[in-house]
Amino acid sequence: MENTITINFKEIKNIEDFYKKLIETNKFPEDFGSNLDALYDSITGYLELPCTLKIIHITALQFHQYAELFNVLREIEKEESDFKFIPILELPKEEEQSINFTM
């Protein structure tokens, strides 16, 4: 059975919030270092695989602010065939309204 982790970026104000949410939803070691190296080590060494990490409601600004984090997650995805990283970008309301689908 696949393990799915969903982190709602509406609840994330900084990188510490991200790590806290990740620790709350997983079985990471108690001495998790809350940095990119610890994240890499924990996903590749402690996380129950197969696993999908979904990041939802991420804004374009957050996607840019956390680019280093997302690059590490993409790197893990390339190296671990049982790990998937799915960021789901949230469009601003004005962009949502500008998308017209006509039939």
N, C-alpha and C. Protein backbone atom coordinates (compact mmCIF):
# COMPACT_ATOMS: atom_id res chain seq x y z
N MET A 1 0.84 -1.19 0.00
CA MET A 1 0.00 0.00 0.00
C MET A 1 0.88 1.25 0.00
N GLU A 2 0.54 2.18 -0.86
CA GLU A 2 1.35 3.39 -0.98
C GLU A 2 1.02 4.40 0.11
N ASN A 3 2.06 4.98 0.65
CA ASN A 3 1.97 6.03 1.65
C ASN A 3 1.83 7.38 0.92
N THR A 4 0.79 8.15 1.23
CA THR A 4 0.63 9.47 0.62
C THR A 4 0.65 10.52 1.72
N ILE A 5 1.51 11.51 1.52
CA ILE A 5 1.63 12.63 2.45
C ILE A 5 1.16 13.88 1.71
N THR A 6 0.25 14.62 2.32
CA THR A 6 -0.23 15.86 1.71
C THR A 6 0.07 17.01 2.66
N ILE A 7 0.75 18.02 2.15
CA ILE A 7 1.05 19.21 2.93
C ILE A 7 0.39 20.40 2.24
N ASN A 8 -0.47 21.07 2.99
CA ASN A 8 -1.21 22.22 2.48
C ASN A 8 -0.39 23.48 2.74
N PHE A 9 0.08 24.11 1.68
CA PHE A 9 0.93 25.29 1.84
C PHE A 9 0.16 26.53 2.28
N LYS A 10 -1.16 26.45 2.39
CA LYS A 10 -1.90 27.55 3.01
C LYS A 10 -1.56 27.63 4.50
N GLU A 11 -1.05 26.51 5.06
CA GLU A 11 -0.69 26.44 6.47
C GLU A 11 0.79 26.68 6.70
N ILE A 12 1.54 26.95 5.65
CA ILE A 12 3.00 27.10 5.74
C ILE A 12 3.38 28.57 5.59
N LYS A 13 4.01 29.09 6.63
CA LYS A 13 4.46 30.49 6.59
C LYS A 13 5.96 30.60 6.41
N ASN A 14 6.69 29.53 6.73
CA ASN A 14 8.14 29.53 6.59
C ASN A 14 8.63 28.09 6.52
N ILE A 15 9.92 27.91 6.30
CA ILE A 15 10.48 26.57 6.14
C ILE A 15 10.33 25.74 7.41
N GLU A 16 10.38 26.40 8.56
CA GLU A 16 10.21 25.68 9.82
C GLU A 16 8.81 25.08 9.91
N ASP A 17 7.79 25.80 9.41
CA ASP A 17 6.43 25.26 9.38
C ASP A 17 6.37 24.00 8.50
N PHE A 18 7.08 24.05 7.38
CA PHE A 18 7.10 22.89 6.49
C PHE A 18 7.68 21.67 7.20
N TYR A 19 8.85 21.85 7.82
CA TYR A 19 9.48 20.73 8.51
C TYR A 19 8.60 20.22 9.65
N LYS A 20 7.99 21.13 10.39
CA LYS A 20 7.12 20.74 11.50
C LYS A 20 5.94 19.90 10.98
N LYS A 21 5.32 20.34 9.92
CA LYS A 21 4.19 19.62 9.33
C LYS A 21 4.64 18.25 8.82
N LEU A 22 5.80 18.20 8.21
CA LEU A 22 6.33 16.95 7.70
C LEU A 22 6.60 15.96 8.83
N ILE A 23 7.16 16.45 9.92
CA ILE A 23 7.45 15.60 11.08
C ILE A 23 6.14 15.10 11.70
N GLU A 24 5.14 15.98 11.79
CA GLU A 24 3.85 15.60 12.37
C GLU A 24 3.17 14.48 11.58
N THR A 25 3.37 14.45 10.28
CA THR A 25 2.65 13.50 9.43
C THR A 25 3.46 12.25 9.11
N ASN A 26 4.65 12.11 9.67
CA ASN A 26 5.52 10.99 9.32
C ASN A 26 6.24 10.42 10.51
N LYS A 27 6.94 9.34 10.24
CA LYS A 27 7.72 8.68 11.28
C LYS A 27 9.20 9.03 11.09
N PHE A 28 9.51 10.29 11.09
CA PHE A 28 10.90 10.70 10.98
C PHE A 28 11.55 10.55 12.36
N PRO A 29 12.86 10.43 12.39
CA PRO A 29 13.53 10.27 13.69
C PRO A 29 13.31 11.50 14.57
N GLU A 30 13.31 11.28 15.88
CA GLU A 30 13.08 12.37 16.83
C GLU A 30 14.14 13.47 16.70
N ASP A 31 15.34 13.10 16.28
CA ASP A 31 16.42 14.08 16.15
C ASP A 31 16.52 14.64 14.73
N PHE A 32 15.38 14.65 14.00
CA PHE A 32 15.36 15.20 12.65
C PHE A 32 15.94 16.61 12.68
N GLY A 33 16.87 16.89 11.78
CA GLY A 33 17.62 18.13 11.80
C GLY A 33 16.97 19.35 11.18
N SER A 34 15.80 19.22 10.59
CA SER A 34 15.10 20.35 9.96
C SER A 34 16.00 21.14 9.01
N ASN A 35 16.63 20.43 8.09
CA ASN A 35 17.40 21.06 7.03
C ASN A 35 17.35 20.15 5.81
N LEU A 36 17.86 20.62 4.70
CA LEU A 36 17.74 19.86 3.46
C LEU A 36 18.47 18.53 3.50
N ASP A 37 19.62 18.48 4.16
CA ASP A 37 20.35 17.22 4.27
C ASP A 37 19.56 16.21 5.09
N ALA A 38 18.99 16.66 6.20
CA ALA A 38 18.17 15.78 7.04
C ALA A 38 16.93 15.32 6.29
N LEU A 39 16.35 16.21 5.51
CA LEU A 39 15.17 15.86 4.71
C LEU A 39 15.53 14.74 3.73
N TYR A 40 16.62 14.91 3.03
CA TYR A 40 17.08 13.89 2.08
C TYR A 40 17.31 12.56 2.79
N ASP A 41 18.06 12.60 3.87
CA ASP A 41 18.37 11.37 4.62
C ASP A 41 17.11 10.71 5.17
N SER A 42 16.17 11.50 5.65
CA SER A 42 14.95 10.94 6.24
C SER A 42 14.05 10.31 5.19
N ILE A 43 13.92 10.96 4.05
CA ILE A 43 13.07 10.39 3.00
C ILE A 43 13.69 9.12 2.44
N THR A 44 15.00 9.14 2.21
CA THR A 44 15.64 7.97 1.61
C THR A 44 15.94 6.88 2.63
N GLY A 45 15.91 7.20 3.93
CA GLY A 45 16.28 6.20 4.92
C GLY A 45 15.19 5.79 5.89
N TYR A 46 14.22 6.67 6.17
CA TYR A 46 13.22 6.38 7.20
C TYR A 46 11.79 6.31 6.68
N LEU A 47 11.52 6.99 5.60
CA LEU A 47 10.15 7.07 5.10
C LEU A 47 9.72 5.73 4.50
N GLU A 48 8.51 5.33 4.82
CA GLU A 48 7.98 4.09 4.27
C GLU A 48 7.67 4.30 2.79
N LEU A 49 8.35 3.54 1.95
CA LEU A 49 8.15 3.63 0.52
C LEU A 49 7.35 2.42 0.05
N PRO A 50 6.57 2.51 -1.00
CA PRO A 50 6.42 3.67 -1.88
C PRO A 50 5.65 4.80 -1.21
N CYS A 51 5.98 6.02 -1.65
CA CYS A 51 5.40 7.21 -1.04
C CYS A 51 5.22 8.31 -2.08
N THR A 52 4.12 9.02 -1.95
CA THR A 52 3.88 10.22 -2.75
C THR A 52 3.76 11.40 -1.81
N LEU A 53 4.54 12.44 -2.07
CA LEU A 53 4.46 13.68 -1.31
C LEU A 53 3.76 14.72 -2.17
N LYS A 54 2.56 15.11 -1.76
CA LYS A 54 1.80 16.14 -2.47
C LYS A 54 1.91 17.45 -1.71
N ILE A 55 2.26 18.48 -2.43
CA ILE A 55 2.27 19.84 -1.89
C ILE A 55 1.11 20.55 -2.57
N ILE A 56 0.10 20.93 -1.80
CA ILE A 56 -1.08 21.55 -2.39
C ILE A 56 -1.18 23.02 -2.00
N HIS A 57 -1.91 23.76 -2.82
CA HIS A 57 -2.17 25.19 -2.59
C HIS A 57 -0.88 26.00 -2.48
N ILE A 58 0.09 25.68 -3.33
CA ILE A 58 1.33 26.46 -3.32
C ILE A 58 1.21 27.59 -4.33
N THR A 59 1.57 28.77 -3.90
CA THR A 59 1.51 29.93 -4.79
C THR A 59 2.80 30.01 -5.60
N ALA A 60 2.77 30.79 -6.65
CA ALA A 60 3.98 30.98 -7.47
C ALA A 60 5.10 31.59 -6.64
N LEU A 61 4.76 32.50 -5.74
CA LEU A 61 5.77 33.11 -4.87
C LEU A 61 6.40 32.06 -3.97
N GLN A 62 5.58 31.21 -3.34
CA GLN A 62 6.11 30.16 -2.49
C GLN A 62 6.95 29.18 -3.30
N PHE A 63 6.50 28.86 -4.50
CA PHE A 63 7.26 27.95 -5.36
C PHE A 63 8.66 28.51 -5.60
N HIS A 64 8.75 29.80 -5.79
CA HIS A 64 10.05 30.46 -5.97
C HIS A 64 10.83 30.49 -4.64
N GLN A 65 10.17 30.85 -3.55
CA GLN A 65 10.83 30.96 -2.24
C GLN A 65 11.41 29.62 -1.78
N TYR A 66 10.73 28.54 -2.10
CA TYR A 66 11.15 27.22 -1.64
C TYR A 66 11.78 26.39 -2.76
N ALA A 67 12.33 27.05 -3.74
CA ALA A 67 12.90 26.36 -4.91
C ALA A 67 13.98 25.35 -4.50
N GLU A 68 14.81 25.71 -3.55
CA GLU A 68 15.88 24.81 -3.11
C GLU A 68 15.29 23.53 -2.50
N LEU A 69 14.25 23.69 -1.71
CA LEU A 69 13.55 22.54 -1.12
C LEU A 69 12.98 21.65 -2.21
N PHE A 70 12.28 22.25 -3.17
CA PHE A 70 11.66 21.47 -4.23
C PHE A 70 12.69 20.80 -5.12
N ASN A 71 13.84 21.44 -5.31
CA ASN A 71 14.92 20.82 -6.09
C ASN A 71 15.42 19.54 -5.40
N VAL A 72 15.53 19.59 -4.07
CA VAL A 72 15.95 18.40 -3.33
C VAL A 72 14.91 17.29 -3.47
N LEU A 73 13.63 17.65 -3.38
CA LEU A 73 12.57 16.66 -3.52
C LEU A 73 12.57 16.05 -4.93
N ARG A 74 12.84 16.86 -5.95
CA ARG A 74 12.94 16.35 -7.32
C ARG A 74 14.15 15.41 -7.46
N GLU A 75 15.25 15.77 -6.81
CA GLU A 75 16.45 14.93 -6.84
C GLU A 75 16.16 13.56 -6.22
N ILE A 76 15.46 13.57 -5.08
CA ILE A 76 15.09 12.31 -4.43
C ILE A 76 14.19 11.50 -5.36
N GLU A 77 13.26 12.17 -6.01
CA GLU A 77 12.33 11.49 -6.93
C GLU A 77 13.09 10.79 -8.06
N LYS A 78 14.14 11.43 -8.56
CA LYS A 78 14.94 10.84 -9.63
C LYS A 78 15.72 9.62 -9.14
N GLU A 79 16.16 9.66 -7.88
CA GLU A 79 17.00 8.59 -7.34
C GLU A 79 16.20 7.44 -6.74
N GLU A 80 15.02 7.72 -6.23
CA GLU A 80 14.19 6.71 -5.57
C GLU A 80 12.95 6.45 -6.44
N SER A 81 12.90 5.32 -7.09
CA SER A 81 11.77 5.04 -7.98
C SER A 81 10.45 4.92 -7.23
N ASP A 82 10.49 4.67 -5.94
CA ASP A 82 9.27 4.53 -5.14
C ASP A 82 8.84 5.83 -4.46
N PHE A 83 9.48 6.94 -4.81
CA PHE A 83 9.11 8.24 -4.23
C PHE A 83 8.63 9.17 -5.34
N LYS A 84 7.47 9.76 -5.13
CA LYS A 84 6.91 10.72 -6.10
C LYS A 84 6.69 12.05 -5.39
N PHE A 85 7.02 13.14 -6.08
CA PHE A 85 6.80 14.49 -5.56
C PHE A 85 5.84 15.19 -6.51
N ILE A 86 4.71 15.66 -5.97
CA ILE A 86 3.70 16.31 -6.79
C ILE A 86 3.35 17.67 -6.20
N PRO A 87 3.91 18.75 -6.76
CA PRO A 87 3.49 20.09 -6.32
C PRO A 87 2.26 20.53 -7.12
N ILE A 88 1.26 21.03 -6.43
CA ILE A 88 0.04 21.50 -7.10
C ILE A 88 -0.05 23.00 -6.90
N LEU A 89 0.20 23.72 -7.97
CA LEU A 89 0.23 25.18 -7.93
C LEU A 89 -1.17 25.76 -7.85
N GLU A 90 -1.33 26.74 -6.99
CA GLU A 90 -2.61 27.43 -6.86
C GLU A 90 -2.56 28.70 -7.69
N LEU A 91 -3.49 28.84 -8.61
CA LEU A 91 -3.55 30.03 -9.44
C LEU A 91 -4.26 31.15 -8.69
N PRO A 92 -3.75 32.38 -8.82
CA PRO A 92 -4.49 33.52 -8.25
C PRO A 92 -5.88 33.61 -8.89
N LYS A 93 -6.83 34.14 -8.16
CA LYS A 93 -8.22 34.22 -8.64
C LYS A 93 -8.31 34.88 -10.02
N GLU A 94 -7.54 35.95 -10.23
CA GLU A 94 -7.63 36.63 -11.53
C GLU A 94 -7.14 35.74 -12.66
N GLU A 95 -6.16 34.86 -12.40
CA GLU A 95 -5.70 33.93 -13.43
C GLU A 95 -6.72 32.83 -13.66
N GLU A 96 -7.36 32.35 -12.58
CA GLU A 96 -8.40 31.34 -12.72
C GLU A 96 -9.52 31.86 -13.60
N GLN A 97 -9.91 33.13 -13.40
CA GLN A 97 -11.00 33.71 -14.15
C GLN A 97 -10.64 33.96 -15.60
N SER A 98 -9.33 34.12 -15.88
CA SER A 98 -8.93 34.39 -17.25
C SER A 98 -8.86 33.14 -18.11
N ILE A 99 -8.98 31.97 -17.48
CA ILE A 99 -8.94 30.72 -18.21
C ILE A 99 -10.36 30.39 -18.64
N ASN A 100 -10.61 30.45 -19.93
CA ASN A 100 -11.93 30.15 -20.47
C ASN A 100 -11.86 28.88 -21.29
N PHE A 101 -12.77 28.01 -21.03
CA PHE A 101 -12.88 26.79 -21.81
C PHE A 101 -14.20 26.87 -22.56
N THR A 102 -14.10 26.92 -23.88
CA THR A 102 -15.33 26.97 -24.67
C THR A 102 -15.45 25.67 -25.45
N MET A 103 -16.68 25.27 -25.63
CA MET A 103 -16.91 24.01 -26.35
C MET A 103 -17.64 24.31 -27.62
